[in-house]
Amino acid sequence: MGQDRIGLISSAVLKFQDQNSLVIDMGTCITYDFIDSQNIYHGGAISPGIRMRYSSFSNYTSNLPLLKFQDITKIIGANTEESLHIGVNNGIVGEINQYISSLKKSHSKFNVIITGGDSIFLLNKIKNAIFADQDFLAFGLNYIIKLNEGD
């Protein structure tokens, strides 16, 4: 497991003590990490982030363009570019909502903590989410450093 995910888990445990928490980090990849109310890490998932999804269109097809992210609220595209934007946008939101829905089958109550450089994209798109500040990762990593130093 990467240091970034360990830092995010540590931050969630510290800031949301004795609570179930799902941490979703929106960066190069989208990572999901679940910690229960006893601070037991259960694992998670990793999927492609926004830019990775866009680059796959032009890298793995012969005729699709490389586009930059555009937040779009449509559900049906009138052309190829709109359709690609809609696919990325709705694909990510749908994936995250499905992950949350599936997790609710085994854990009825948990925090959904969203962080990372691309997290602003999800603002107002995921119900009852807590949008962590940009220091969320640094807070967890700093705690680990201090713990290892014996402070």
N, C-alpha and C. Protein backbone atom coordinates (compact mmCIF):
# COMPACT_ATOMS: atom_id res chain seq x y z
N MET A 1 0.84 -1.17 0.00
CA MET A 1 0.00 0.00 0.00
C MET A 1 0.89 1.24 0.00
N GLY A 2 0.49 2.24 -0.77
CA GLY A 2 1.26 3.46 -0.89
C GLY A 2 1.22 4.33 0.36
N GLN A 3 2.25 5.14 0.51
CA GLN A 3 2.34 6.04 1.66
C GLN A 3 1.18 7.02 1.71
N ASP A 4 0.71 7.42 0.53
CA ASP A 4 -0.41 8.37 0.51
C ASP A 4 -1.66 7.75 1.12
N ARG A 5 -1.93 6.50 0.79
CA ARG A 5 -3.11 5.84 1.35
C ARG A 5 -2.96 5.62 2.85
N ILE A 6 -1.77 5.28 3.30
CA ILE A 6 -1.53 5.11 4.73
C ILE A 6 -1.74 6.44 5.46
N GLY A 7 -1.27 7.53 4.86
CA GLY A 7 -1.47 8.85 5.45
C GLY A 7 -2.94 9.23 5.52
N LEU A 8 -3.68 8.93 4.47
CA LEU A 8 -5.12 9.25 4.45
C LEU A 8 -5.88 8.43 5.50
N ILE A 9 -5.53 7.17 5.63
CA ILE A 9 -6.17 6.32 6.63
C ILE A 9 -5.87 6.85 8.03
N SER A 10 -4.62 7.20 8.28
CA SER A 10 -4.23 7.75 9.58
C SER A 10 -5.01 9.02 9.90
N SER A 11 -5.14 9.87 8.93
CA SER A 11 -5.88 11.12 9.12
C SER A 11 -7.35 10.84 9.45
N ALA A 12 -7.94 9.89 8.74
CA ALA A 12 -9.35 9.54 8.99
C ALA A 12 -9.53 8.98 10.40
N VAL A 13 -8.61 8.13 10.84
CA VAL A 13 -8.69 7.56 12.18
C VAL A 13 -8.58 8.65 13.24
N LEU A 14 -7.71 9.61 13.01
CA LEU A 14 -7.51 10.69 13.98
C LEU A 14 -8.67 11.68 14.01
N LYS A 15 -9.15 12.05 12.84
CA LYS A 15 -10.19 13.09 12.77
C LYS A 15 -11.61 12.55 12.98
N PHE A 16 -11.79 11.25 12.76
CA PHE A 16 -13.13 10.65 12.91
C PHE A 16 -13.02 9.41 13.80
N GLN A 17 -12.52 9.64 15.02
CA GLN A 17 -12.28 8.54 15.96
C GLN A 17 -13.55 7.76 16.23
N ASP A 18 -13.38 6.44 16.30
CA ASP A 18 -14.46 5.52 16.65
C ASP A 18 -15.64 5.59 15.68
N GLN A 19 -15.35 5.92 14.42
CA GLN A 19 -16.40 5.99 13.40
C GLN A 19 -15.95 5.20 12.17
N ASN A 20 -16.91 4.58 11.51
CA ASN A 20 -16.63 3.95 10.22
C ASN A 20 -16.39 5.06 9.21
N SER A 21 -15.36 4.89 8.38
CA SER A 21 -15.05 5.93 7.40
C SER A 21 -14.58 5.32 6.08
N LEU A 22 -15.12 5.86 5.00
CA LEU A 22 -14.65 5.55 3.66
C LEU A 22 -13.93 6.79 3.15
N VAL A 23 -12.64 6.63 2.84
CA VAL A 23 -11.85 7.74 2.32
C VAL A 23 -11.72 7.55 0.81
N ILE A 24 -12.15 8.56 0.06
CA ILE A 24 -12.04 8.54 -1.40
C ILE A 24 -11.07 9.64 -1.78
N ASP A 25 -9.97 9.24 -2.42
CA ASP A 25 -8.95 10.20 -2.84
C ASP A 25 -9.00 10.34 -4.35
N MET A 26 -9.25 11.57 -4.80
CA MET A 26 -9.36 11.87 -6.23
C MET A 26 -8.05 12.46 -6.73
N GLY A 27 -7.21 11.61 -7.29
CA GLY A 27 -5.94 12.07 -7.83
C GLY A 27 -5.69 11.39 -9.17
N THR A 28 -4.45 11.03 -9.43
CA THR A 28 -4.12 10.31 -10.66
C THR A 28 -5.01 9.08 -10.77
N CYS A 29 -5.17 8.41 -9.64
CA CYS A 29 -6.14 7.32 -9.53
C CYS A 29 -7.18 7.74 -8.50
N ILE A 30 -8.30 7.04 -8.51
CA ILE A 30 -9.30 7.21 -7.47
C ILE A 30 -9.12 6.03 -6.53
N THR A 31 -8.82 6.34 -5.27
CA THR A 31 -8.64 5.26 -4.31
C THR A 31 -9.76 5.29 -3.28
N TYR A 32 -10.12 4.11 -2.83
CA TYR A 32 -11.14 3.92 -1.82
C TYR A 32 -10.51 3.14 -0.68
N ASP A 33 -10.67 3.60 0.56
CA ASP A 33 -10.13 2.91 1.71
C ASP A 33 -11.16 2.95 2.83
N PHE A 34 -11.44 1.78 3.42
CA PHE A 34 -12.45 1.69 4.47
C PHE A 34 -11.82 1.32 5.80
N ILE A 35 -12.15 2.11 6.83
CA ILE A 35 -11.70 1.89 8.20
C ILE A 35 -12.95 1.81 9.07
N ASP A 36 -13.02 0.77 9.93
CA ASP A 36 -14.22 0.66 10.76
C ASP A 36 -14.05 1.41 12.08
N SER A 37 -15.09 1.39 12.90
CA SER A 37 -15.11 2.16 14.14
C SER A 37 -14.12 1.65 15.19
N GLN A 38 -13.56 0.46 14.98
CA GLN A 38 -12.50 -0.05 15.86
C GLN A 38 -11.11 0.23 15.27
N ASN A 39 -11.07 1.09 14.25
CA ASN A 39 -9.83 1.49 13.58
C ASN A 39 -9.16 0.32 12.85
N ILE A 40 -9.95 -0.60 12.39
CA ILE A 40 -9.44 -1.72 11.60
C ILE A 40 -9.58 -1.37 10.13
N TYR A 41 -8.47 -1.47 9.43
CA TYR A 41 -8.47 -1.19 8.00
C TYR A 41 -8.93 -2.44 7.25
N HIS A 42 -9.94 -2.29 6.41
CA HIS A 42 -10.50 -3.43 5.69
C HIS A 42 -10.03 -3.54 4.24
N GLY A 43 -9.40 -2.51 3.73
CA GLY A 43 -8.95 -2.52 2.34
C GLY A 43 -9.71 -1.50 1.53
N GLY A 44 -9.67 -1.68 0.22
CA GLY A 44 -10.33 -0.71 -0.63
C GLY A 44 -10.25 -1.09 -2.09
N ALA A 45 -10.15 -0.08 -2.92
CA ALA A 45 -10.12 -0.29 -4.37
C ALA A 45 -9.37 0.87 -5.02
N ILE A 46 -8.94 0.64 -6.24
CA ILE A 46 -8.26 1.67 -7.02
C ILE A 46 -8.83 1.63 -8.44
N SER A 47 -9.16 2.80 -8.97
CA SER A 47 -9.60 2.89 -10.36
C SER A 47 -8.96 4.12 -11.01
N PRO A 48 -9.04 4.22 -12.32
CA PRO A 48 -8.40 5.35 -13.01
C PRO A 48 -9.02 6.69 -12.60
N GLY A 49 -8.16 7.70 -12.48
CA GLY A 49 -8.62 9.05 -12.18
C GLY A 49 -9.09 9.75 -13.44
N ILE A 50 -9.43 11.01 -13.30
CA ILE A 50 -10.00 11.79 -14.40
C ILE A 50 -9.06 11.85 -15.60
N ARG A 51 -7.83 12.32 -15.39
CA ARG A 51 -6.91 12.47 -16.52
C ARG A 51 -6.56 11.13 -17.16
N MET A 52 -6.45 10.09 -16.34
CA MET A 52 -6.14 8.77 -16.87
C MET A 52 -7.27 8.28 -17.78
N ARG A 53 -8.49 8.56 -17.40
CA ARG A 53 -9.64 8.15 -18.22
C ARG A 53 -9.63 8.89 -19.57
N TYR A 54 -9.36 10.19 -19.50
CA TYR A 54 -9.30 10.95 -20.75
C TYR A 54 -8.17 10.47 -21.65
N SER A 55 -7.00 10.25 -21.09
CA SER A 55 -5.87 9.84 -21.92
C SER A 55 -6.07 8.47 -22.54
N SER A 56 -6.84 7.61 -21.90
CA SER A 56 -7.07 6.27 -22.46
C SER A 56 -7.84 6.33 -23.78
N PHE A 57 -8.68 7.32 -23.95
CA PHE A 57 -9.42 7.44 -25.22
C PHE A 57 -8.47 7.58 -26.40
N SER A 58 -7.54 8.52 -26.30
CA SER A 58 -6.64 8.74 -27.44
C SER A 58 -5.50 7.71 -27.48
N ASN A 59 -5.10 7.18 -26.33
CA ASN A 59 -4.01 6.20 -26.30
C ASN A 59 -4.41 4.82 -26.80
N TYR A 60 -5.67 4.46 -26.64
CA TYR A 60 -6.09 3.09 -26.96
C TYR A 60 -7.11 3.00 -28.09
N THR A 61 -7.38 4.12 -28.74
CA THR A 61 -8.22 4.10 -29.94
C THR A 61 -7.50 4.89 -31.02
N SER A 62 -7.91 4.69 -32.24
CA SER A 62 -7.21 5.39 -33.32
C SER A 62 -7.85 6.72 -33.69
N ASN A 63 -9.09 6.95 -33.31
CA ASN A 63 -9.77 8.16 -33.78
C ASN A 63 -10.33 9.09 -32.69
N LEU A 64 -10.18 8.74 -31.43
CA LEU A 64 -10.74 9.60 -30.39
C LEU A 64 -9.69 10.61 -29.93
N PRO A 65 -10.12 11.86 -29.69
CA PRO A 65 -9.17 12.92 -29.33
C PRO A 65 -8.78 12.88 -27.85
N LEU A 66 -7.66 13.51 -27.54
CA LEU A 66 -7.26 13.73 -26.16
C LEU A 66 -7.89 15.04 -25.72
N LEU A 67 -8.75 14.97 -24.74
CA LEU A 67 -9.45 16.15 -24.23
C LEU A 67 -8.99 16.46 -22.83
N LYS A 68 -9.21 17.68 -22.41
CA LYS A 68 -8.99 18.07 -21.03
C LYS A 68 -10.34 18.03 -20.33
N PHE A 69 -10.29 17.80 -19.03
CA PHE A 69 -11.51 17.68 -18.24
C PHE A 69 -12.43 18.88 -18.42
N GLN A 70 -13.70 18.56 -18.54
CA GLN A 70 -14.74 19.58 -18.58
C GLN A 70 -15.92 19.03 -17.80
N ASP A 71 -16.37 19.76 -16.80
CA ASP A 71 -17.51 19.34 -16.00
C ASP A 71 -18.77 19.61 -16.82
N ILE A 72 -19.53 18.58 -17.06
CA ILE A 72 -20.70 18.71 -17.92
C ILE A 72 -21.87 18.02 -17.23
N THR A 73 -23.04 18.63 -17.32
CA THR A 73 -24.20 18.08 -16.60
C THR A 73 -25.16 17.32 -17.50
N LYS A 74 -24.89 17.31 -18.77
CA LYS A 74 -25.76 16.57 -19.70
C LYS A 74 -25.63 15.07 -19.47
N ILE A 75 -26.61 14.33 -19.99
CA ILE A 75 -26.49 12.88 -19.95
C ILE A 75 -26.44 12.27 -21.35
N ILE A 76 -26.71 13.10 -22.36
CA ILE A 76 -26.64 12.63 -23.75
C ILE A 76 -25.81 13.65 -24.53
N GLY A 77 -24.76 13.17 -25.17
CA GLY A 77 -23.89 14.06 -25.92
C GLY A 77 -24.36 14.25 -27.35
N ALA A 78 -24.23 15.47 -27.86
CA ALA A 78 -24.62 15.79 -29.23
C ALA A 78 -23.49 15.52 -30.22
N ASN A 79 -22.27 15.29 -29.71
CA ASN A 79 -21.11 15.01 -30.57
C ASN A 79 -20.12 14.16 -29.78
N THR A 80 -19.03 13.80 -30.43
CA THR A 80 -18.04 12.91 -29.80
C THR A 80 -17.44 13.53 -28.55
N GLU A 81 -17.06 14.81 -28.62
CA GLU A 81 -16.43 15.44 -27.47
C GLU A 81 -17.37 15.49 -26.26
N GLU A 82 -18.61 15.89 -26.47
CA GLU A 82 -19.57 15.90 -25.37
C GLU A 82 -19.76 14.50 -24.81
N SER A 83 -19.84 13.53 -25.70
CA SER A 83 -20.05 12.14 -25.27
C SER A 83 -18.89 11.65 -24.42
N LEU A 84 -17.66 12.02 -24.76
CA LEU A 84 -16.50 11.63 -23.96
C LEU A 84 -16.55 12.29 -22.58
N HIS A 85 -16.86 13.59 -22.54
CA HIS A 85 -16.97 14.29 -21.26
C HIS A 85 -18.06 13.66 -20.39
N ILE A 86 -19.19 13.37 -20.98
CA ILE A 86 -20.30 12.77 -20.24
C ILE A 86 -19.90 11.39 -19.72
N GLY A 87 -19.22 10.63 -20.54
CA GLY A 87 -18.78 9.30 -20.12
C GLY A 87 -17.85 9.35 -18.92
N VAL A 88 -16.89 10.27 -18.94
CA VAL A 88 -15.95 10.39 -17.82
C VAL A 88 -16.69 10.89 -16.58
N ASN A 89 -17.44 11.97 -16.73
CA ASN A 89 -18.15 12.56 -15.58
C ASN A 89 -19.12 11.57 -14.94
N ASN A 90 -20.03 11.06 -15.74
CA ASN A 90 -21.05 10.16 -15.19
C ASN A 90 -20.45 8.83 -14.76
N GLY A 91 -19.39 8.40 -15.44
CA GLY A 91 -18.73 7.16 -15.04
C GLY A 91 -18.14 7.26 -13.64
N ILE A 92 -17.48 8.36 -13.35
CA ILE A 92 -16.87 8.54 -12.03
C ILE A 92 -17.94 8.68 -10.96
N VAL A 93 -18.92 9.54 -11.18
CA VAL A 93 -19.97 9.74 -10.19
C VAL A 93 -20.73 8.43 -9.96
N GLY A 94 -21.05 7.73 -11.03
CA GLY A 94 -21.76 6.46 -10.91
C GLY A 94 -20.95 5.42 -10.16
N GLU A 95 -19.65 5.36 -10.47
CA GLU A 95 -18.76 4.41 -9.78
C GLU A 95 -18.72 4.69 -8.29
N ILE A 96 -18.55 5.94 -7.92
CA ILE A 96 -18.46 6.29 -6.51
C ILE A 96 -19.78 6.01 -5.80
N ASN A 97 -20.88 6.41 -6.40
CA ASN A 97 -22.18 6.14 -5.78
C ASN A 97 -22.44 4.64 -5.62
N GLN A 98 -22.02 3.85 -6.60
CA GLN A 98 -22.19 2.40 -6.52
C GLN A 98 -21.32 1.81 -5.42
N TYR A 99 -20.10 2.31 -5.29
CA TYR A 99 -19.21 1.82 -4.24
C TYR A 99 -19.81 2.10 -2.86
N ILE A 100 -20.32 3.32 -2.68
CA ILE A 100 -20.95 3.70 -1.41
C ILE A 100 -22.17 2.83 -1.15
N SER A 101 -23.00 2.65 -2.16
CA SER A 101 -24.22 1.84 -2.03
C SER A 101 -23.88 0.39 -1.66
N SER A 102 -22.88 -0.16 -2.29
CA SER A 102 -22.48 -1.54 -2.00
C SER A 102 -21.95 -1.67 -0.58
N LEU A 103 -21.18 -0.69 -0.13
CA LEU A 103 -20.62 -0.73 1.21
C LEU A 103 -21.71 -0.60 2.28
N LYS A 104 -22.78 0.10 1.95
CA LYS A 104 -23.88 0.26 2.91
C LYS A 104 -24.57 -1.07 3.22
N LYS A 105 -24.41 -2.05 2.38
CA LYS A 105 -25.01 -3.37 2.64
C LYS A 105 -24.35 -4.05 3.84
N SER A 106 -23.08 -3.76 4.07
CA SER A 106 -22.39 -4.39 5.20
C SER A 106 -22.14 -3.42 6.36
N HIS A 107 -22.19 -2.13 6.10
CA HIS A 107 -21.97 -1.11 7.14
C HIS A 107 -22.99 0.00 6.91
N SER A 108 -24.03 0.00 7.73
CA SER A 108 -25.14 0.92 7.49
C SER A 108 -24.76 2.38 7.67
N LYS A 109 -23.79 2.66 8.52
CA LYS A 109 -23.44 4.06 8.77
C LYS A 109 -21.93 4.24 8.67
N PHE A 110 -21.51 5.20 7.85
CA PHE A 110 -20.10 5.54 7.74
C PHE A 110 -19.94 6.92 7.12
N ASN A 111 -18.83 7.54 7.44
CA ASN A 111 -18.47 8.83 6.84
C ASN A 111 -17.94 8.58 5.44
N VAL A 112 -18.27 9.46 4.53
CA VAL A 112 -17.66 9.45 3.21
C VAL A 112 -16.79 10.69 3.14
N ILE A 113 -15.48 10.48 3.16
CA ILE A 113 -14.52 11.57 3.18
C ILE A 113 -13.88 11.65 1.80
N ILE A 114 -14.02 12.79 1.15
CA ILE A 114 -13.49 12.97 -0.19
C ILE A 114 -12.35 13.98 -0.14
N THR A 115 -11.23 13.61 -0.74
CA THR A 115 -10.05 14.46 -0.71
C THR A 115 -9.29 14.30 -2.03
N GLY A 116 -8.22 15.04 -2.17
CA GLY A 116 -7.37 14.92 -3.36
C GLY A 116 -7.53 16.10 -4.30
N GLY A 117 -6.59 16.20 -5.21
CA GLY A 117 -6.52 17.32 -6.13
C GLY A 117 -7.72 17.50 -7.03
N ASP A 118 -8.39 16.41 -7.38
CA ASP A 118 -9.56 16.50 -8.27
C ASP A 118 -10.88 16.41 -7.51
N SER A 119 -10.84 16.52 -6.18
CA SER A 119 -12.05 16.33 -5.39
C SER A 119 -13.11 17.40 -5.63
N ILE A 120 -12.71 18.59 -6.05
CA ILE A 120 -13.67 19.67 -6.30
C ILE A 120 -14.71 19.26 -7.34
N PHE A 121 -14.33 18.37 -8.25
CA PHE A 121 -15.24 17.87 -9.27
C PHE A 121 -16.48 17.23 -8.64
N LEU A 122 -16.34 16.62 -7.48
CA LEU A 122 -17.45 15.89 -6.87
C LEU A 122 -18.35 16.75 -5.99
N LEU A 123 -17.97 18.00 -5.79
CA LEU A 123 -18.77 18.88 -4.95
C LEU A 123 -20.21 18.92 -5.44
N ASN A 124 -21.14 18.67 -4.56
CA ASN A 124 -22.58 18.63 -4.84
C ASN A 124 -23.01 17.45 -5.72
N LYS A 125 -22.14 16.47 -5.90
CA LYS A 125 -22.50 15.30 -6.71
C LYS A 125 -22.61 14.03 -5.89
N ILE A 126 -22.04 14.02 -4.70
CA ILE A 126 -22.08 12.86 -3.82
C ILE A 126 -22.80 13.28 -2.54
N LYS A 127 -23.90 12.61 -2.22
CA LYS A 127 -24.71 12.99 -1.06
C LYS A 127 -23.98 12.71 0.25
N ASN A 128 -24.15 13.61 1.18
CA ASN A 128 -23.65 13.47 2.55
C ASN A 128 -22.14 13.24 2.64
N ALA A 129 -21.40 13.75 1.71
CA ALA A 129 -19.95 13.59 1.74
C ALA A 129 -19.31 14.71 2.55
N ILE A 130 -18.18 14.38 3.16
CA ILE A 130 -17.36 15.35 3.87
C ILE A 130 -16.18 15.66 2.96
N PHE A 131 -16.05 16.89 2.56
CA PHE A 131 -14.93 17.27 1.70
C PHE A 131 -13.79 17.75 2.59
N ALA A 132 -12.74 16.94 2.64
CA ALA A 132 -11.60 17.25 3.49
C ALA A 132 -10.75 18.33 2.83
N ASP A 133 -10.10 19.11 3.67
CA ASP A 133 -9.24 20.15 3.12
C ASP A 133 -7.98 19.54 2.52
N GLN A 134 -7.20 20.36 1.86
CA GLN A 134 -6.01 19.88 1.16
C GLN A 134 -4.92 19.41 2.13
N ASP A 135 -5.07 19.71 3.42
CA ASP A 135 -4.09 19.28 4.41
C ASP A 135 -4.42 17.92 5.01
N PHE A 136 -5.49 17.29 4.56
CA PHE A 136 -5.92 16.02 5.13
C PHE A 136 -4.82 14.96 5.06
N LEU A 137 -4.19 14.81 3.91
CA LEU A 137 -3.10 13.85 3.74
C LEU A 137 -1.90 14.25 4.60
N ALA A 138 -1.52 15.51 4.55
CA ALA A 138 -0.36 15.99 5.32
C ALA A 138 -0.57 15.77 6.82
N PHE A 139 -1.77 15.95 7.30
CA PHE A 139 -2.09 15.74 8.72
C PHE A 139 -1.78 14.30 9.11
N GLY A 140 -2.22 13.34 8.29
CA GLY A 140 -1.96 11.93 8.59
C GLY A 140 -0.49 11.57 8.49
N LEU A 141 0.18 12.07 7.46
CA LEU A 141 1.61 11.78 7.31
C LEU A 141 2.42 12.39 8.45
N ASN A 142 2.06 13.60 8.86
CA ASN A 142 2.75 14.25 9.98
C ASN A 142 2.58 13.44 11.26
N TYR A 143 1.38 12.91 11.48
CA TYR A 143 1.14 12.07 12.67
C TYR A 143 2.05 10.84 12.65
N ILE A 144 2.18 10.21 11.49
CA ILE A 144 3.02 9.01 11.37
C ILE A 144 4.49 9.36 11.65
N ILE A 145 4.95 10.48 11.13
CA ILE A 145 6.34 10.92 11.38
C ILE A 145 6.57 11.12 12.87
N LYS A 146 5.66 11.83 13.52
CA LYS A 146 5.81 12.07 14.96
C LYS A 146 5.74 10.77 15.76
N LEU A 147 4.88 9.86 15.35
CA LEU A 147 4.76 8.58 16.02
C LEU A 147 6.08 7.80 15.92
N ASN A 148 6.68 7.82 14.73
CA ASN A 148 7.94 7.11 14.53
C ASN A 148 9.11 7.77 15.25
N GLU A 149 9.02 9.08 15.48
CA GLU A 149 10.07 9.79 16.22
C GLU A 149 9.92 9.62 17.72
N GLY A 150 8.77 9.11 18.14
CA GLY A 150 8.53 8.89 19.57
C GLY A 150 7.97 10.09 20.29
N ASP A 151 7.45 11.06 19.57
CA ASP A 151 6.87 12.27 20.18
C ASP A 151 5.45 12.04 20.62
